[in-house]
Amino acid sequence: MELEERVAALERRLAALEQADRAAPRLGEGDFWALEGLKEQLAEAGAQTGGVLFTGAVRLPTQEQYEWQYGLLSEQLLDGDWSDAADSFAALGHAVRLRLLREILGGRRTAAELTELEGLGTTGQIYHHLRQLTAAGWLHTASRGRYEVPGARVVPLLVVLAAARP
């Protein structure tokens, strides 16, 4: 390929990227490899309206590892009843609850450990927040007084946090 052709091809690619305004963060140096894989699968399935995929591979400070992916067709999301998600979002809509989730993922798992932390309120308030998170499925009790984020909710929780970033 001649130098002029290569420069022209690069200019076209740069112009396309600028027009697309791709502000999404990249993992490493790769292009939109996850998006391209999703689009290939959607085409194979004959999906007309597209789809959404979220995925992750996470090692927590406790050395626990989670790998997870989930995808839905766009029409499943757009046609569904969004009010079903209200309780789950409401449970995450409090700074103390988010802090509790962060501390639990970090290894503080017993109610006693959590009540020792400053800035979370009284023991009764902490238990109220733990009940809210448990009722919404963001936590479960592994044993008496010991809380865990269910394995299937670790990556989705981090996806929600990533999506909420400005």
N, C-alpha and C. Protein backbone atom coordinates (compact mmCIF):
# COMPACT_ATOMS: atom_id res chain seq x y z
N MET A 1 0.85 -1.17 0.00
CA MET A 1 0.00 0.00 0.00
C MET A 1 0.90 1.24 0.00
N GLU A 2 0.58 2.15 -0.87
CA GLU A 2 1.36 3.38 -0.97
C GLU A 2 1.14 4.24 0.25
N LEU A 3 2.11 5.09 0.53
CA LEU A 3 2.05 5.99 1.67
C LEU A 3 0.80 6.87 1.63
N GLU A 4 0.48 7.38 0.45
CA GLU A 4 -0.69 8.26 0.33
C GLU A 4 -1.98 7.52 0.69
N GLU A 5 -2.09 6.28 0.25
CA GLU A 5 -3.28 5.48 0.56
C GLU A 5 -3.37 5.21 2.06
N ARG A 6 -2.23 4.91 2.65
CA ARG A 6 -2.22 4.63 4.10
C ARG A 6 -2.61 5.88 4.89
N VAL A 7 -2.07 7.04 4.51
CA VAL A 7 -2.42 8.29 5.19
C VAL A 7 -3.90 8.59 5.00
N ALA A 8 -4.43 8.39 3.81
CA ALA A 8 -5.85 8.64 3.54
C ALA A 8 -6.72 7.71 4.39
N ALA A 9 -6.30 6.44 4.49
CA ALA A 9 -7.06 5.48 5.30
C ALA A 9 -7.05 5.89 6.77
N LEU A 10 -5.90 6.33 7.26
CA LEU A 10 -5.81 6.79 8.64
C LEU A 10 -6.67 8.03 8.88
N GLU A 11 -6.67 8.94 7.92
CA GLU A 11 -7.49 10.14 8.04
C GLU A 11 -8.98 9.79 8.08
N ARG A 12 -9.41 8.84 7.23
CA ARG A 12 -10.81 8.41 7.25
C ARG A 12 -11.17 7.79 8.59
N ARG A 13 -10.29 6.97 9.09
CA ARG A 13 -10.55 6.33 10.38
C ARG A 13 -10.61 7.35 11.51
N LEU A 14 -9.70 8.31 11.51
CA LEU A 14 -9.71 9.36 12.52
C LEU A 14 -10.99 10.18 12.44
N ALA A 15 -11.40 10.53 11.23
CA ALA A 15 -12.64 11.30 11.06
C ALA A 15 -13.84 10.51 11.57
N ALA A 16 -13.88 9.21 11.30
CA ALA A 16 -14.99 8.38 11.78
C ALA A 16 -15.02 8.33 13.30
N LEU A 17 -13.84 8.22 13.92
CA LEU A 17 -13.77 8.20 15.38
C LEU A 17 -14.22 9.52 15.97
N GLU A 18 -13.81 10.61 15.36
CA GLU A 18 -14.22 11.92 15.85
C GLU A 18 -15.71 12.13 15.71
N GLN A 19 -16.30 11.67 14.61
CA GLN A 19 -17.73 11.81 14.40
C GLN A 19 -18.51 10.96 15.40
N ALA A 20 -18.00 9.78 15.70
CA ALA A 20 -18.70 8.89 16.62
C ALA A 20 -18.59 9.38 18.06
N ASP A 21 -17.65 10.28 18.33
CA ASP A 21 -17.43 10.81 19.67
C ASP A 21 -17.35 9.68 20.69
N ARG A 22 -16.46 8.77 20.47
CA ARG A 22 -16.32 7.61 21.35
C ARG A 22 -15.62 8.01 22.64
N ALA A 23 -16.44 8.34 23.63
CA ALA A 23 -15.90 8.76 24.91
C ALA A 23 -15.85 7.60 25.90
N ALA A 24 -16.29 6.43 25.50
CA ALA A 24 -16.30 5.28 26.41
C ALA A 24 -14.87 4.89 26.75
N PRO A 25 -14.63 4.53 27.99
CA PRO A 25 -13.27 4.13 28.37
C PRO A 25 -12.88 2.82 27.70
N ARG A 26 -11.60 2.68 27.45
CA ARG A 26 -11.07 1.47 26.84
C ARG A 26 -10.27 0.68 27.86
N LEU A 27 -10.30 -0.60 27.72
CA LEU A 27 -9.51 -1.47 28.55
C LEU A 27 -8.27 -1.84 27.74
N GLY A 28 -7.14 -1.35 28.17
CA GLY A 28 -5.92 -1.61 27.42
C GLY A 28 -5.90 -0.83 26.13
N GLU A 29 -5.26 -1.37 25.11
CA GLU A 29 -5.12 -0.68 23.84
C GLU A 29 -6.12 -1.13 22.80
N GLY A 30 -6.93 -2.14 23.10
CA GLY A 30 -7.86 -2.68 22.12
C GLY A 30 -8.94 -1.70 21.75
N ASP A 31 -9.55 -1.93 20.59
CA ASP A 31 -10.66 -1.11 20.15
C ASP A 31 -11.91 -1.61 20.88
N PHE A 32 -13.07 -1.49 20.33
CA PHE A 32 -14.32 -1.90 20.98
C PHE A 32 -14.54 -3.39 20.78
N TRP A 33 -13.66 -4.22 21.31
CA TRP A 33 -13.69 -5.65 21.10
C TRP A 33 -14.94 -6.29 21.69
N ALA A 34 -15.39 -5.86 22.85
CA ALA A 34 -16.60 -6.42 23.45
C ALA A 34 -17.83 -6.03 22.61
N LEU A 35 -17.87 -4.78 22.19
CA LEU A 35 -18.98 -4.30 21.37
C LEU A 35 -19.03 -5.04 20.04
N GLU A 36 -17.88 -5.24 19.42
CA GLU A 36 -17.86 -5.94 18.13
C GLU A 36 -18.34 -7.38 18.30
N GLY A 37 -17.93 -8.04 19.38
CA GLY A 37 -18.39 -9.40 19.65
C GLY A 37 -19.90 -9.46 19.87
N LEU A 38 -20.43 -8.48 20.59
CA LEU A 38 -21.87 -8.41 20.82
C LEU A 38 -22.60 -8.22 19.49
N LYS A 39 -22.11 -7.31 18.66
CA LYS A 39 -22.77 -7.05 17.38
C LYS A 39 -22.76 -8.30 16.49
N GLU A 40 -21.69 -9.06 16.53
CA GLU A 40 -21.63 -10.31 15.75
C GLU A 40 -22.68 -11.29 16.23
N GLN A 41 -22.81 -11.43 17.55
CA GLN A 41 -23.80 -12.36 18.10
C GLN A 41 -25.23 -11.90 17.80
N LEU A 42 -25.46 -10.59 17.87
CA LEU A 42 -26.79 -10.07 17.57
C LEU A 42 -27.15 -10.32 16.11
N ALA A 43 -26.18 -10.15 15.22
CA ALA A 43 -26.42 -10.40 13.79
C ALA A 43 -26.73 -11.87 13.55
N GLU A 44 -25.99 -12.77 14.21
CA GLU A 44 -26.24 -14.20 14.07
C GLU A 44 -27.61 -14.58 14.58
N ALA A 45 -28.08 -13.91 15.64
CA ALA A 45 -29.39 -14.19 16.22
C ALA A 45 -30.51 -13.49 15.47
N GLY A 46 -30.16 -12.62 14.53
CA GLY A 46 -31.17 -11.89 13.79
C GLY A 46 -31.86 -10.82 14.60
N ALA A 47 -31.21 -10.34 15.64
CA ALA A 47 -31.79 -9.30 16.48
C ALA A 47 -31.84 -7.99 15.70
N GLN A 48 -33.02 -7.41 15.61
CA GLN A 48 -33.21 -6.21 14.81
C GLN A 48 -32.93 -4.92 15.59
N THR A 49 -33.17 -4.93 16.89
CA THR A 49 -33.08 -3.67 17.64
C THR A 49 -31.83 -3.55 18.49
N GLY A 50 -30.97 -4.55 18.45
CA GLY A 50 -29.73 -4.47 19.22
C GLY A 50 -29.83 -5.14 20.57
N GLY A 51 -28.82 -4.89 21.37
CA GLY A 51 -28.77 -5.52 22.68
C GLY A 51 -27.76 -4.84 23.58
N VAL A 52 -27.76 -5.28 24.82
CA VAL A 52 -26.88 -4.73 25.85
C VAL A 52 -26.13 -5.88 26.50
N LEU A 53 -24.85 -5.67 26.75
CA LEU A 53 -24.01 -6.68 27.39
C LEU A 53 -23.19 -6.02 28.47
N PHE A 54 -23.13 -6.64 29.64
CA PHE A 54 -22.14 -6.19 30.61
C PHE A 54 -21.45 -7.41 31.16
N THR A 55 -20.17 -7.22 31.44
CA THR A 55 -19.32 -8.33 31.80
C THR A 55 -18.19 -7.85 32.70
N GLY A 56 -17.59 -8.74 33.43
CA GLY A 56 -16.47 -8.35 34.26
C GLY A 56 -15.73 -9.55 34.83
N ALA A 57 -14.47 -9.32 35.16
CA ALA A 57 -13.63 -10.29 35.86
C ALA A 57 -12.99 -9.51 37.00
N VAL A 58 -13.31 -9.89 38.23
CA VAL A 58 -12.95 -9.08 39.39
C VAL A 58 -12.25 -9.94 40.45
N ARG A 59 -11.19 -9.38 41.02
CA ARG A 59 -10.57 -9.98 42.21
C ARG A 59 -10.73 -8.95 43.32
N LEU A 60 -11.43 -9.34 44.38
CA LEU A 60 -11.67 -8.44 45.51
C LEU A 60 -10.44 -8.37 46.42
N PRO A 61 -10.38 -7.38 47.30
CA PRO A 61 -9.28 -7.32 48.27
C PRO A 61 -9.17 -8.58 49.12
N THR A 62 -10.27 -9.33 49.24
CA THR A 62 -10.29 -10.58 50.01
C THR A 62 -9.74 -11.75 49.20
N GLN A 63 -9.32 -11.48 47.95
CA GLN A 63 -8.80 -12.46 46.99
C GLN A 63 -9.89 -13.33 46.36
N GLU A 64 -11.14 -13.09 46.66
CA GLU A 64 -12.22 -13.79 45.98
C GLU A 64 -12.26 -13.30 44.55
N GLN A 65 -12.57 -14.21 43.62
CA GLN A 65 -12.60 -13.85 42.21
C GLN A 65 -13.99 -14.15 41.64
N TYR A 66 -14.44 -13.24 40.78
CA TYR A 66 -15.73 -13.39 40.13
C TYR A 66 -15.59 -13.07 38.67
N GLU A 67 -16.16 -13.91 37.83
CA GLU A 67 -16.25 -13.65 36.40
C GLU A 67 -17.71 -13.78 36.04
N TRP A 68 -18.21 -12.79 35.30
CA TRP A 68 -19.65 -12.76 35.07
C TRP A 68 -19.96 -11.99 33.81
N GLN A 69 -21.01 -12.42 33.10
CA GLN A 69 -21.49 -11.66 31.96
C GLN A 69 -22.99 -11.85 31.85
N TYR A 70 -23.63 -10.84 31.29
CA TYR A 70 -25.08 -10.88 31.14
C TYR A 70 -25.45 -10.02 29.95
N GLY A 71 -26.36 -10.49 29.15
CA GLY A 71 -26.79 -9.73 28.00
C GLY A 71 -28.29 -9.85 27.80
N LEU A 72 -28.88 -8.80 27.27
CA LEU A 72 -30.31 -8.79 26.96
C LEU A 72 -30.52 -8.11 25.62
N LEU A 73 -31.55 -8.53 24.92
CA LEU A 73 -31.94 -7.83 23.71
C LEU A 73 -32.59 -6.51 24.10
N SER A 74 -32.41 -5.51 23.26
CA SER A 74 -32.95 -4.18 23.56
C SER A 74 -34.44 -4.21 23.81
N GLU A 75 -35.18 -4.96 23.00
CA GLU A 75 -36.63 -4.96 23.20
C GLU A 75 -37.03 -5.55 24.55
N GLN A 76 -36.25 -6.48 25.08
CA GLN A 76 -36.54 -7.01 26.41
C GLN A 76 -36.46 -5.91 27.46
N LEU A 77 -35.49 -5.03 27.29
CA LEU A 77 -35.33 -3.93 28.24
C LEU A 77 -36.35 -2.82 28.01
N LEU A 78 -36.50 -2.41 26.77
CA LEU A 78 -37.37 -1.28 26.46
C LEU A 78 -38.84 -1.59 26.68
N ASP A 79 -39.25 -2.83 26.46
CA ASP A 79 -40.65 -3.21 26.61
C ASP A 79 -41.01 -3.67 28.01
N GLY A 80 -40.01 -3.89 28.85
CA GLY A 80 -40.27 -4.39 30.20
C GLY A 80 -40.79 -3.31 31.14
N ASP A 81 -41.20 -3.73 32.32
CA ASP A 81 -41.69 -2.82 33.35
C ASP A 81 -40.49 -2.33 34.17
N TRP A 82 -40.09 -1.10 33.95
CA TRP A 82 -38.92 -0.55 34.63
C TRP A 82 -39.16 -0.35 36.11
N SER A 83 -40.39 -0.26 36.53
CA SER A 83 -40.66 -0.04 37.96
C SER A 83 -40.20 -1.22 38.80
N ASP A 84 -40.02 -2.38 38.16
CA ASP A 84 -39.50 -3.55 38.89
C ASP A 84 -38.10 -3.29 39.45
N ALA A 85 -37.35 -2.38 38.85
CA ALA A 85 -35.98 -2.09 39.28
C ALA A 85 -35.92 -1.03 40.38
N ALA A 86 -37.04 -0.41 40.70
CA ALA A 86 -37.04 0.72 41.63
C ALA A 86 -36.48 0.36 43.00
N ASP A 87 -36.88 -0.77 43.56
CA ASP A 87 -36.40 -1.15 44.89
C ASP A 87 -34.90 -1.40 44.90
N SER A 88 -34.41 -2.00 43.84
CA SER A 88 -32.97 -2.27 43.76
C SER A 88 -32.19 -0.97 43.68
N PHE A 89 -32.64 -0.04 42.84
CA PHE A 89 -31.97 1.26 42.75
C PHE A 89 -32.12 2.05 44.05
N ALA A 90 -33.29 1.97 44.67
CA ALA A 90 -33.52 2.71 45.92
C ALA A 90 -32.56 2.23 47.00
N ALA A 91 -32.32 0.92 47.04
CA ALA A 91 -31.41 0.38 48.05
C ALA A 91 -30.00 0.93 47.87
N LEU A 92 -29.61 1.21 46.63
CA LEU A 92 -28.28 1.75 46.36
C LEU A 92 -28.24 3.27 46.49
N GLY A 93 -29.39 3.90 46.68
CA GLY A 93 -29.46 5.34 46.68
C GLY A 93 -29.19 6.01 48.00
N HIS A 94 -28.34 5.43 48.81
CA HIS A 94 -27.99 6.04 50.10
C HIS A 94 -26.49 5.85 50.32
N ALA A 95 -25.83 6.92 50.71
CA ALA A 95 -24.36 6.88 50.87
C ALA A 95 -23.92 5.84 51.89
N VAL A 96 -24.67 5.68 52.97
CA VAL A 96 -24.28 4.70 54.00
C VAL A 96 -24.37 3.29 53.43
N ARG A 97 -25.40 3.02 52.64
CA ARG A 97 -25.54 1.67 52.07
C ARG A 97 -24.41 1.38 51.09
N LEU A 98 -24.04 2.37 50.30
CA LEU A 98 -22.92 2.17 49.39
C LEU A 98 -21.63 1.92 50.16
N ARG A 99 -21.45 2.63 51.23
CA ARG A 99 -20.25 2.42 52.07
C ARG A 99 -20.27 1.02 52.68
N LEU A 100 -21.44 0.58 53.14
CA LEU A 100 -21.54 -0.77 53.70
C LEU A 100 -21.17 -1.82 52.65
N LEU A 101 -21.68 -1.66 51.45
CA LEU A 101 -21.33 -2.61 50.38
C LEU A 101 -19.84 -2.62 50.11
N ARG A 102 -19.24 -1.42 50.06
CA ARG A 102 -17.79 -1.33 49.82
C ARG A 102 -17.02 -2.03 50.94
N GLU A 103 -17.41 -1.80 52.17
CA GLU A 103 -16.72 -2.42 53.31
C GLU A 103 -16.89 -3.94 53.30
N ILE A 104 -18.08 -4.41 52.94
CA ILE A 104 -18.33 -5.85 52.89
C ILE A 104 -17.51 -6.49 51.78
N LEU A 105 -17.46 -5.86 50.61
CA LEU A 105 -16.61 -6.38 49.54
C LEU A 105 -15.14 -6.37 49.93
N GLY A 106 -14.77 -5.41 50.78
CA GLY A 106 -13.39 -5.30 51.23
C GLY A 106 -13.01 -6.27 52.34
N GLY A 107 -14.00 -6.99 52.89
CA GLY A 107 -13.68 -8.01 53.89
C GLY A 107 -14.31 -7.82 55.25
N ARG A 108 -14.86 -6.66 55.53
CA ARG A 108 -15.57 -6.47 56.80
C ARG A 108 -16.97 -7.03 56.61
N ARG A 109 -17.22 -8.17 57.21
CA ARG A 109 -18.45 -8.88 56.88
C ARG A 109 -19.40 -9.07 58.05
N THR A 110 -18.93 -8.93 59.25
CA THR A 110 -19.85 -9.14 60.37
C THR A 110 -20.48 -7.83 60.80
N ALA A 111 -21.66 -7.95 61.37
CA ALA A 111 -22.35 -6.76 61.86
C ALA A 111 -21.49 -6.04 62.89
N ALA A 112 -20.78 -6.80 63.72
CA ALA A 112 -19.92 -6.19 64.74
C ALA A 112 -18.82 -5.35 64.10
N GLU A 113 -18.18 -5.86 63.04
CA GLU A 113 -17.14 -5.10 62.34
C GLU A 113 -17.71 -3.83 61.71
N LEU A 114 -18.90 -3.94 61.16
CA LEU A 114 -19.51 -2.80 60.49
C LEU A 114 -19.94 -1.72 61.48
N THR A 115 -20.41 -2.12 62.64
CA THR A 115 -20.86 -1.12 63.62
C THR A 115 -19.68 -0.39 64.25
N GLU A 116 -18.48 -0.93 64.14
CA GLU A 116 -17.28 -0.26 64.67
C GLU A 116 -16.81 0.89 63.77
N LEU A 117 -17.25 0.92 62.54
CA LEU A 117 -16.83 1.95 61.60
C LEU A 117 -17.48 3.28 61.94
N GLU A 118 -16.72 4.35 61.79
CA GLU A 118 -17.25 5.67 62.08
C GLU A 118 -18.04 6.22 60.90
N GLY A 119 -19.02 7.04 61.21
CA GLY A 119 -19.77 7.74 60.19
C GLY A 119 -20.92 6.97 59.58
N LEU A 120 -21.23 5.79 60.13
CA LEU A 120 -22.32 5.00 59.57
C LEU A 120 -23.60 5.07 60.39
N GLY A 121 -23.56 5.74 61.51
CA GLY A 121 -24.76 5.88 62.34
C GLY A 121 -24.77 4.90 63.49
N THR A 122 -25.92 4.80 64.11
CA THR A 122 -26.09 3.92 65.27
C THR A 122 -26.19 2.47 64.80
N THR A 123 -26.10 1.56 65.75
CA THR A 123 -26.24 0.14 65.44
C THR A 123 -27.59 -0.12 64.78
N GLY A 124 -28.65 0.48 65.31
CA GLY A 124 -29.98 0.31 64.74
C GLY A 124 -30.07 0.83 63.31
N GLN A 125 -29.43 1.96 63.05
CA GLN A 125 -29.43 2.51 61.69
C GLN A 125 -28.68 1.60 60.72
N ILE A 126 -27.56 1.08 61.18
CA ILE A 126 -26.77 0.17 60.33
C ILE A 126 -27.58 -1.08 60.00
N TYR A 127 -28.25 -1.65 61.01
CA TYR A 127 -29.08 -2.84 60.75
C TYR A 127 -30.21 -2.50 59.77
N HIS A 128 -30.78 -1.31 59.89
CA HIS A 128 -31.83 -0.89 58.95
C HIS A 128 -31.28 -0.90 57.52
N HIS A 129 -30.09 -0.33 57.32
CA HIS A 129 -29.48 -0.29 55.98
C HIS A 129 -29.15 -1.70 55.49
N LEU A 130 -28.65 -2.55 56.37
CA LEU A 130 -28.34 -3.92 55.99
C LEU A 130 -29.61 -4.66 55.56
N ARG A 131 -30.72 -4.43 56.25
CA ARG A 131 -32.00 -5.05 55.88
C ARG A 131 -32.46 -4.57 54.50
N GLN A 132 -32.29 -3.27 54.23
CA GLN A 132 -32.68 -2.73 52.93
C GLN A 132 -31.88 -3.38 51.81
N LEU A 133 -30.58 -3.50 52.00
CA LEU A 133 -29.72 -4.10 50.99
C LEU A 133 -30.03 -5.59 50.81
N THR A 134 -30.34 -6.27 51.91
CA THR A 134 -30.68 -7.68 51.84
C THR A 134 -32.01 -7.88 51.12
N ALA A 135 -32.99 -7.06 51.45
CA ALA A 135 -34.31 -7.18 50.81
C ALA A 135 -34.23 -6.95 49.30
N ALA A 136 -33.33 -6.09 48.87
CA ALA A 136 -33.17 -5.79 47.44
C ALA A 136 -32.25 -6.79 46.73
N GLY A 137 -31.65 -7.72 47.48
CA GLY A 137 -30.81 -8.74 46.87
C GLY A 137 -29.35 -8.36 46.71
N TRP A 138 -28.96 -7.17 47.22
CA TRP A 138 -27.55 -6.77 47.12
C TRP A 138 -26.70 -7.43 48.18
N LEU A 139 -27.32 -7.95 49.23
CA LEU A 139 -26.63 -8.68 50.29
C LEU A 139 -27.42 -9.94 50.61
N HIS A 140 -26.73 -10.90 51.20
CA HIS A 140 -27.40 -12.01 51.87
C HIS A 140 -26.62 -12.34 53.13
N THR A 141 -27.27 -13.02 54.04
CA THR A 141 -26.58 -13.39 55.27
C THR A 141 -25.98 -14.77 55.07
N ALA A 142 -24.68 -14.85 55.23
CA ALA A 142 -23.96 -16.10 55.06
C ALA A 142 -24.09 -16.95 56.32
N SER A 143 -24.14 -16.30 57.45
CA SER A 143 -24.38 -16.94 58.74
C SER A 143 -24.86 -15.84 59.67
N ARG A 144 -25.16 -16.17 60.86
CA ARG A 144 -25.71 -15.19 61.80
C ARG A 144 -24.76 -14.00 61.96
N GLY A 145 -25.24 -12.83 61.55
CA GLY A 145 -24.46 -11.61 61.71
C GLY A 145 -23.35 -11.42 60.70
N ARG A 146 -23.28 -12.28 59.70
CA ARG A 146 -22.23 -12.19 58.67
C ARG A 146 -22.90 -11.96 57.31
N TYR A 147 -22.48 -10.91 56.63
CA TYR A 147 -23.09 -10.50 55.37
C TYR A 147 -22.12 -10.67 54.21
N GLU A 148 -22.68 -10.98 53.04
CA GLU A 148 -21.90 -11.09 51.82
C GLU A 148 -22.70 -10.53 50.66
N VAL A 149 -21.99 -9.99 49.68
CA VAL A 149 -22.62 -9.65 48.41
C VAL A 149 -22.67 -10.96 47.63
N PRO A 150 -23.86 -11.39 47.19
CA PRO A 150 -23.93 -12.64 46.42
C PRO A 150 -23.01 -12.59 45.21
N GLY A 151 -22.35 -13.69 44.91
CA GLY A 151 -21.40 -13.73 43.80
C GLY A 151 -21.98 -13.20 42.50
N ALA A 152 -23.23 -13.51 42.22
CA ALA A 152 -23.85 -13.07 40.97
C ALA A 152 -24.18 -11.58 40.97
N ARG A 153 -23.99 -10.90 42.10
CA ARG A 153 -24.28 -9.46 42.17
C ARG A 153 -23.01 -8.62 42.25
N VAL A 154 -21.84 -9.22 42.37
CA VAL A 154 -20.59 -8.45 42.52
C VAL A 154 -20.32 -7.63 41.26
N VAL A 155 -20.26 -8.27 40.11
CA VAL A 155 -19.97 -7.54 38.87
C VAL A 155 -21.10 -6.56 38.54
N PRO A 156 -22.39 -6.96 38.63
CA PRO A 156 -23.44 -5.97 38.38
C PRO A 156 -23.35 -4.74 39.29
N LEU A 157 -22.99 -4.93 40.55
CA LEU A 157 -22.83 -3.79 41.46
C LEU A 157 -21.73 -2.86 40.94
N LEU A 158 -20.62 -3.42 40.54
CA LEU A 158 -19.52 -2.61 40.03
C LEU A 158 -19.88 -1.95 38.69
N VAL A 159 -20.69 -2.63 37.88
CA VAL A 159 -21.16 -2.03 36.63
C VAL A 159 -22.04 -0.83 36.92
N VAL A 160 -22.96 -0.97 37.88
CA VAL A 160 -23.82 0.16 38.25
C VAL A 160 -22.98 1.34 38.74
N LEU A 161 -21.98 1.05 39.56
CA LEU A 161 -21.11 2.12 40.04
C LEU A 161 -20.34 2.76 38.89
N ALA A 162 -19.85 1.96 37.97
CA ALA A 162 -19.13 2.51 36.81
C ALA A 162 -20.06 3.36 35.95
N ALA A 163 -21.29 2.91 35.77
CA ALA A 163 -22.25 3.66 34.95
C ALA A 163 -22.64 4.98 35.61
N ALA A 164 -22.58 5.05 36.92
CA ALA A 164 -22.99 6.25 37.65
C ALA A 164 -21.90 7.32 37.68
N ARG A 165 -20.70 6.96 37.26
CA ARG A 165 -19.60 7.95 37.27
C ARG A 165 -19.85 9.04 36.25
N PRO A 166 -19.47 10.26 36.61
CA PRO A 166 -19.67 11.36 35.65
C PRO A 166 -18.75 11.24 34.45
